[in-house]
Amino acid sequence: MRRLTSALESYEGALLIASHDLPFLESVGITRWILLDDELQETDADEIRELFGSAESTRAGTV
């Protein structure tokens, strides 16, 4: 994982990365975008944790 992270950090082009590994995403310093209600919005790791943490609680019935 360190080699991949290092390679991505030095790459100067555009990349599309899909991952559920938030520490990995934070380590490569990407700009996060999320599609909600048919609108593409820039977001950050904290907002993603909040959104998906809430979704997990809702699915588990522990709102």
PDB file of N, CA and C in Angstrom:
ATOM      1  N   MET A   1       0.820  -1.178   0.000  1.00  0.00           N
ATOM      2  CA  MET A   1       0.000   0.000   0.000  1.00  0.00           C
ATOM      3  C   MET A   1       0.873   1.254   0.000  1.00  0.00           C
ATOM      4  N   ARG A   2       2.004   1.211   0.658  1.00  0.00           N
ATOM      5  CA  ARG A   2       2.888   2.390   0.691  1.00  0.00           C
ATOM      6  C   ARG A   2       3.416   2.734  -0.693  1.00  0.00           C
ATOM      7  N   ARG A   3       3.748   1.720  -1.483  1.00  0.00           N
ATOM      8  CA  ARG A   3       4.239   1.985  -2.850  1.00  0.00           C
ATOM      9  C   ARG A   3       3.154   2.646  -3.690  1.00  0.00           C
ATOM     10  N   LEU A   4       1.940   2.142  -3.566  1.00  0.00           N
ATOM     11  CA  LEU A   4       0.827   2.719  -4.317  1.00  0.00           C
ATOM     12  C   LEU A   4       0.596   4.165  -3.890  1.00  0.00           C
ATOM     13  N   THR A   5       0.562   4.396  -2.602  1.00  0.00           N
ATOM     14  CA  THR A   5       0.373   5.754  -2.086  1.00  0.00           C
ATOM     15  C   THR A   5       1.464   6.687  -2.589  1.00  0.00           C
ATOM     16  N   SER A   6       2.698   6.239  -2.551  1.00  0.00           N
ATOM     17  CA  SER A   6       3.825   7.052  -3.016  1.00  0.00           C
ATOM     18  C   SER A   6       3.701   7.362  -4.502  1.00  0.00           C
ATOM     19  N   ALA A   7       3.344   6.367  -5.291  1.00  0.00           N
ATOM     20  CA  ALA A   7       3.189   6.575  -6.736  1.00  0.00           C
ATOM     21  C   ALA A   7       2.067   7.568  -7.027  1.00  0.00           C
ATOM     22  N   LEU A   8       0.960   7.449  -6.313  1.00  0.00           N
ATOM     23  CA  LEU A   8      -0.165   8.359  -6.535  1.00  0.00           C
ATOM     24  C   LEU A   8       0.165   9.784  -6.115  1.00  0.00           C
ATOM     25  N   GLU A   9       0.917   9.938  -5.040  1.00  0.00           N
ATOM     26  CA  GLU A   9       1.301  11.274  -4.577  1.00  0.00           C
ATOM     27  C   GLU A   9       2.181  11.996  -5.588  1.00  0.00           C
ATOM     28  N   SER A  10       3.013  11.256  -6.313  1.00  0.00           N
ATOM     29  CA  SER A  10       3.922  11.892  -7.264  1.00  0.00           C
ATOM     30  C   SER A  10       3.307  12.053  -8.657  1.00  0.00           C
ATOM     31  N   TYR A  11       2.166  11.421  -8.904  1.00  0.00           N
ATOM     32  CA  TYR A  11       1.511  11.504 -10.208  1.00  0.00           C
ATOM     33  C   TYR A  11       0.872  12.877 -10.367  1.00  0.00           C
ATOM     34  N   GLU A  12       1.094  13.523 -11.513  1.00  0.00           N
ATOM     35  CA  GLU A  12       0.586  14.876 -11.724  1.00  0.00           C
ATOM     36  C   GLU A  12      -0.649  14.933 -12.611  1.00  0.00           C
ATOM     37  N   GLY A  13      -1.121  13.801 -13.076  1.00  0.00           N
ATOM     38  CA  GLY A  13      -2.307  13.778 -13.923  1.00  0.00           C
ATOM     39  C   GLY A  13      -3.582  13.631 -13.109  1.00  0.00           C
ATOM     40  N   ALA A  14      -4.664  13.371 -13.797  1.00  0.00           N
ATOM     41  CA  ALA A  14      -5.961  13.172 -13.145  1.00  0.00           C
ATOM     42  C   ALA A  14      -6.202  11.683 -12.926  1.00  0.00           C
ATOM     43  N   LEU A  15      -6.808  11.363 -11.807  1.00  0.00           N
ATOM     44  CA  LEU A  15      -7.134   9.978 -11.470  1.00  0.00           C
ATOM     45  C   LEU A  15      -8.540   9.903 -10.907  1.00  0.00           C
ATOM     46  N   LEU A  16      -9.178   8.787 -11.131  1.00  0.00           N
ATOM     47  CA  LEU A  16     -10.446   8.495 -10.487  1.00  0.00           C
ATOM     48  C   LEU A  16     -10.186   7.320  -9.563  1.00  0.00           C
ATOM     49  N   ILE A  17     -10.360   7.531  -8.272  1.00  0.00           N
ATOM     50  CA  ILE A  17     -10.094   6.489  -7.286  1.00  0.00           C
ATOM     51  C   ILE A  17     -11.394   6.177  -6.564  1.00  0.00           C
ATOM     52  N   ALA A  18     -11.757   4.915  -6.518  1.00  0.00           N
ATOM     53  CA  ALA A  18     -12.919   4.464  -5.744  1.00  0.00           C
ATOM     54  C   ALA A  18     -12.409   3.563  -4.638  1.00  0.00           C
ATOM     55  N   SER A  19     -12.667   3.952  -3.404  1.00  0.00           N
ATOM     56  CA  SER A  19     -12.190   3.164  -2.269  1.00  0.00           C
ATOM     57  C   SER A  19     -13.046   3.454  -1.048  1.00  0.00           C
ATOM     58  N   HIS A  20     -13.167   2.454  -0.190  1.00  0.00           N
ATOM     59  CA  HIS A  20     -13.830   2.628   1.102  1.00  0.00           C
ATOM     60  C   HIS A  20     -12.803   2.828   2.205  1.00  0.00           C
ATOM     61  N   ASP A  21     -11.537   2.842   1.845  1.00  0.00           N
ATOM     62  CA  ASP A  21     -10.439   2.948   2.809  1.00  0.00           C
ATOM     63  C   ASP A  21     -10.119   4.429   3.036  1.00  0.00           C
ATOM     64  N   LEU A  22     -10.782   5.043   4.014  1.00  0.00           N
ATOM     65  CA  LEU A  22     -10.610   6.482   4.241  1.00  0.00           C
ATOM     66  C   LEU A  22      -9.183   6.876   4.594  1.00  0.00           C
ATOM     67  N   PRO A  23      -8.455   6.107   5.413  1.00  0.00           N
ATOM     68  CA  PRO A  23      -7.054   6.480   5.664  1.00  0.00           C
ATOM     69  C   PRO A  23      -6.224   6.519   4.370  1.00  0.00           C
ATOM     70  N   PHE A  24      -6.466   5.588   3.456  1.00  0.00           N
ATOM     71  CA  PHE A  24      -5.764   5.588   2.167  1.00  0.00           C
ATOM     72  C   PHE A  24      -6.117   6.848   1.381  1.00  0.00           C
ATOM     73  N   LEU A  25      -7.396   7.169   1.300  1.00  0.00           N
ATOM     74  CA  LEU A  25      -7.822   8.352   0.552  1.00  0.00           C
ATOM     75  C   LEU A  25      -7.235   9.625   1.149  1.00  0.00           C
ATOM     76  N   GLU A  26      -7.198   9.697   2.477  1.00  0.00           N
ATOM     77  CA  GLU A  26      -6.608  10.861   3.133  1.00  0.00           C
ATOM     78  C   GLU A  26      -5.113  10.959   2.851  1.00  0.00           C
ATOM     79  N   SER A  27      -4.440   9.818   2.775  1.00  0.00           N
ATOM     80  CA  SER A  27      -2.989   9.834   2.576  1.00  0.00           C
ATOM     81  C   SER A  27      -2.588  10.320   1.188  1.00  0.00           C
ATOM     82  N   VAL A  28      -3.445  10.136   0.185  1.00  0.00           N
ATOM     83  CA  VAL A  28      -3.091  10.598  -1.159  1.00  0.00           C
ATOM     84  C   VAL A  28      -3.606  12.011  -1.432  1.00  0.00           C
ATOM     85  N   GLY A  29      -4.332  12.585  -0.471  1.00  0.00           N
ATOM     86  CA  GLY A  29      -4.735  13.988  -0.574  1.00  0.00           C
ATOM     87  C   GLY A  29      -5.633  14.298  -1.750  1.00  0.00           C
ATOM     88  N   ILE A  30      -6.658  13.497  -1.939  1.00  0.00           N
ATOM     89  CA  ILE A  30      -7.540  13.700  -3.075  1.00  0.00           C
ATOM     90  C   ILE A  30      -8.638  14.720  -2.767  1.00  0.00           C
ATOM     91  N   THR A  31      -9.297  15.194  -3.806  1.00  0.00           N
ATOM     92  CA  THR A  31     -10.510  15.983  -3.669  1.00  0.00           C
ATOM     93  C   THR A  31     -11.666  15.011  -3.793  1.00  0.00           C
ATOM     94  N   ARG A  32     -12.550  15.022  -2.823  1.00  0.00           N
ATOM     95  CA  ARG A  32     -13.668  14.075  -2.804  1.00  0.00           C
ATOM     96  C   ARG A  32     -14.920  14.745  -3.359  1.00  0.00           C
ATOM     97  N   TRP A  33     -15.647  13.971  -4.152  1.00  0.00           N
ATOM     98  CA  TRP A  33     -16.915  14.429  -4.691  1.00  0.00           C
ATOM     99  C   TRP A  33     -17.951  13.366  -4.374  1.00  0.00           C
ATOM    100  N   ILE A  34     -19.167  13.797  -4.093  1.00  0.00           N
ATOM    101  CA  ILE A  34     -20.244  12.861  -3.802  1.00  0.00           C
ATOM    102  C   ILE A  34     -21.488  13.316  -4.560  1.00  0.00           C
ATOM    103  N   LEU A  35     -22.224  12.353  -5.093  1.00  0.00           N
ATOM    104  CA  LEU A  35     -23.451  12.646  -5.823  1.00  0.00           C
ATOM    105  C   LEU A  35     -24.628  12.394  -4.887  1.00  0.00           C
ATOM    106  N   LEU A  36     -25.301  13.462  -4.498  1.00  0.00           N
ATOM    107  CA  LEU A  36     -26.465  13.384  -3.618  1.00  0.00           C
ATOM    108  C   LEU A  36     -27.610  14.152  -4.244  1.00  0.00           C
ATOM    109  N   ASP A  37     -28.771  13.520  -4.296  1.00  0.00           N
ATOM    110  CA  ASP A  37     -29.963  14.176  -4.843  1.00  0.00           C
ATOM    111  C   ASP A  37     -29.702  14.774  -6.218  1.00  0.00           C
ATOM    112  N   ASP A  38     -29.035  14.001  -7.076  1.00  0.00           N
ATOM    113  CA  ASP A  38     -28.722  14.418  -8.448  1.00  0.00           C
ATOM    114  C   ASP A  38     -27.833  15.653  -8.520  1.00  0.00           C
ATOM    115  N   GLU A  39     -27.091  15.930  -7.465  1.00  0.00           N
ATOM    116  CA  GLU A  39     -26.179  17.072  -7.448  1.00  0.00           C
ATOM    117  C   GLU A  39     -24.790  16.607  -7.020  1.00  0.00           C
ATOM    118  N   LEU A  40     -23.781  16.965  -7.816  1.00  0.00           N
ATOM    119  CA  LEU A  40     -22.399  16.624  -7.504  1.00  0.00           C
ATOM    120  C   LEU A  40     -21.829  17.698  -6.589  1.00  0.00           C
ATOM    121  N   GLN A  41     -21.329  17.258  -5.418  1.00  0.00           N
ATOM    122  CA  GLN A  41     -20.835  18.215  -4.427  1.00  0.00           C
ATOM    123  C   GLN A  41     -19.447  17.815  -3.963  1.00  0.00           C
ATOM    124  N   GLU A  42     -18.573  18.811  -3.800  1.00  0.00           N
ATOM    125  CA  GLU A  42     -17.270  18.548  -3.198  1.00  0.00           C
ATOM    126  C   GLU A  42     -17.498  18.323  -1.709  1.00  0.00           C
ATOM    127  N   THR A  43     -16.774  17.380  -1.133  1.00  0.00           N
ATOM    128  CA  THR A  43     -16.967  17.039   0.273  1.00  0.00           C
ATOM    129  C   THR A  43     -15.633  16.708   0.923  1.00  0.00           C
ATOM    130  N   ASP A  44     -15.660  16.369   2.192  1.00  0.00           N
ATOM    131  CA  ASP A  44     -14.440  15.971   2.890  1.00  0.00           C
ATOM    132  C   ASP A  44     -14.689  14.676   3.666  1.00  0.00           C
ATOM    133  N   ALA A  45     -13.643  14.132   4.241  1.00  0.00           N
ATOM    134  CA  ALA A  45     -13.727  12.841   4.921  1.00  0.00           C
ATOM    135  C   ALA A  45     -14.705  12.880   6.091  1.00  0.00           C
ATOM    136  N   ASP A  46     -14.721  13.969   6.838  1.00  0.00           N
ATOM    137  CA  ASP A  46     -15.624  14.058   7.992  1.00  0.00           C
ATOM    138  C   ASP A  46     -17.087  13.996   7.559  1.00  0.00           C
ATOM    139  N   GLU A  47     -17.415  14.695   6.482  1.00  0.00           N
ATOM    140  CA  GLU A  47     -18.792  14.680   5.993  1.00  0.00           C
ATOM    141  C   GLU A  47     -19.167  13.289   5.486  1.00  0.00           C
ATOM    142  N   ILE A  48     -18.242  12.622   4.823  1.00  0.00           N
ATOM    143  CA  ILE A  48     -18.505  11.267   4.342  1.00  0.00           C
ATOM    144  C   ILE A  48     -18.734  10.326   5.520  1.00  0.00           C
ATOM    145  N   ARG A  49     -17.899  10.435   6.546  1.00  0.00           N
ATOM    146  CA  ARG A  49     -18.089   9.599   7.747  1.00  0.00           C
ATOM    147  C   ARG A  49     -19.461   9.850   8.363  1.00  0.00           C
ATOM    148  N   GLU A  50     -19.842  11.115   8.432  1.00  0.00           N
ATOM    149  CA  GLU A  50     -21.136  11.470   9.011  1.00  0.00           C
ATOM    150  C   GLU A  50     -22.281  10.898   8.179  1.00  0.00           C
ATOM    151  N   LEU A  51     -22.215  11.064   6.865  1.00  0.00           N
ATOM    152  CA  LEU A  51     -23.272  10.569   5.985  1.00  0.00           C
ATOM    153  C   LEU A  51     -23.388   9.054   6.031  1.00  0.00           C
ATOM    154  N   PHE A  52     -22.272   8.364   5.875  1.00  0.00           N
ATOM    155  CA  PHE A  52     -22.320   6.912   5.800  1.00  0.00           C
ATOM    156  C   PHE A  52     -22.427   6.273   7.173  1.00  0.00           C
ATOM    157  N   GLY A  53     -21.967   6.935   8.192  1.00  0.00           N
ATOM    158  CA  GLY A  53     -22.192   6.446   9.549  1.00  0.00           C
ATOM    159  C   GLY A  53     -23.674   6.476   9.870  1.00  0.00           C
ATOM    160  N   SER A  54     -24.358   7.541   9.447  1.00  0.00           N
ATOM    161  CA  SER A  54     -25.799   7.654   9.640  1.00  0.00           C
ATOM    162  C   SER A  54     -26.538   6.599   8.840  1.00  0.00           C
ATOM    163  N   ALA A  55     -26.080   6.320   7.629  1.00  0.00           N
ATOM    164  CA  ALA A  55     -26.719   5.304   6.790  1.00  0.00           C
ATOM    165  C   ALA A  55     -26.584   3.930   7.426  1.00  0.00           C
ATOM    166  N   GLU A  56     -25.418   3.627   7.996  1.00  0.00           N
ATOM    167  CA  GLU A  56     -25.211   2.337   8.660  1.00  0.00           C
ATOM    168  C   GLU A  56     -26.133   2.210   9.866  1.00  0.00           C
ATOM    169  N   SER A  57     -26.283   3.273  10.647  1.00  0.00           N
ATOM    170  CA  SER A  57     -27.161   3.238  11.812  1.00  0.00           C
ATOM    171  C   SER A  57     -28.608   3.037  11.398  1.00  0.00           C
ATOM    172  N   THR A  58     -29.003   3.706  10.317  1.00  0.00           N
ATOM    173  CA  THR A  58     -30.370   3.587   9.828  1.00  0.00           C
ATOM    174  C   THR A  58     -30.650   2.164   9.374  1.00  0.00           C
ATOM    175  N   ARG A  59     -29.720   1.567   8.625  1.00  0.00           N
ATOM    176  CA  ARG A  59     -29.898   0.192   8.165  1.00  0.00           C
ATOM    177  C   ARG A  59     -29.979  -0.779   9.334  1.00  0.00           C
ATOM    178  N   ALA A  60     -29.245  -0.512  10.377  1.00  0.00           N
ATOM    179  CA  ALA A  60     -29.228  -1.406  11.532  1.00  0.00           C
ATOM    180  C   ALA A  60     -30.420  -1.147  12.454  1.00  0.00           C
ATOM    181  N   GLY A  61     -31.187  -0.098  12.171  1.00  0.00           N
ATOM    182  CA  GLY A  61     -32.343   0.226  12.985  1.00  0.00           C
ATOM    183  C   GLY A  61     -31.990   0.907  14.293  1.00  0.00           C
ATOM    184  N   THR A  62     -30.855   1.595  14.318  1.00  0.00           N
ATOM    185  CA  THR A  62     -30.407   2.243  15.549  1.00  0.00           C
ATOM    186  C   THR A  62     -30.282   3.745  15.372  1.00  0.00           C
ATOM    187  N   VAL A  63     -31.258   4.353  14.753  1.00  0.00           N
ATOM    188  CA  VAL A  63     -31.200   5.780  14.454  1.00  0.00           C
ATOM    189  C   VAL A  63     -31.054   6.600  15.697  1.00  0.00           C
TER     190      VAL A  63
END
